[in-house]
Amino acid sequence: MTDLVVSLFLLVGAGFMFVAALGLLRMPDLPMRLHATTKAGALGGGLMVIAVGLEFFGDVAVAARAAAIIIFIVLTAPIAAHLIGRAGYFVGVPMWSKTLKDELKDRYDAQNQVLLSPGEVHSDDQPGKDKAD
């Protein structure tokens, strides 16, 4: 019975990893590729590590390592994807031509490399500020 469950986790995990790879190849720009690879990749990797933990069910050291790997994947994958996407946006990686919404478009000051909060205005756009400064 354990072999069947382990096999199921491995197959489903491999399926999610395949979807992540497919998303990497098929999506048109960096944010969409990151979305596909982060979600499906983390889930696929997590399922495969669960399968390993189940295979060595009686070994506490393997189970602890599997739990640590899953926690590491869940904690770091979204943060890494966010930072890669943010860096890609700031260095000017082009977005897909059919992207409908760019929430950062008027909030990023490329000269000073500052991202403004919603409602905050550029220092050059403040009233009374001379544009020649």
Foldseek 3Di string as FASTA:
>chain_A
DLVVQLVVLLVQLVVLCVQLVVQCVPPDFLLSNLVSNLPSVLSSVLSNLVSQCSVPVPDPVSVVVSVVVNVCSVPPSVVVSVVVVVVCVLVPGDDDPPDDDDPQPQQADNVVRDGHDVPDHDPCPDPPDDVVD
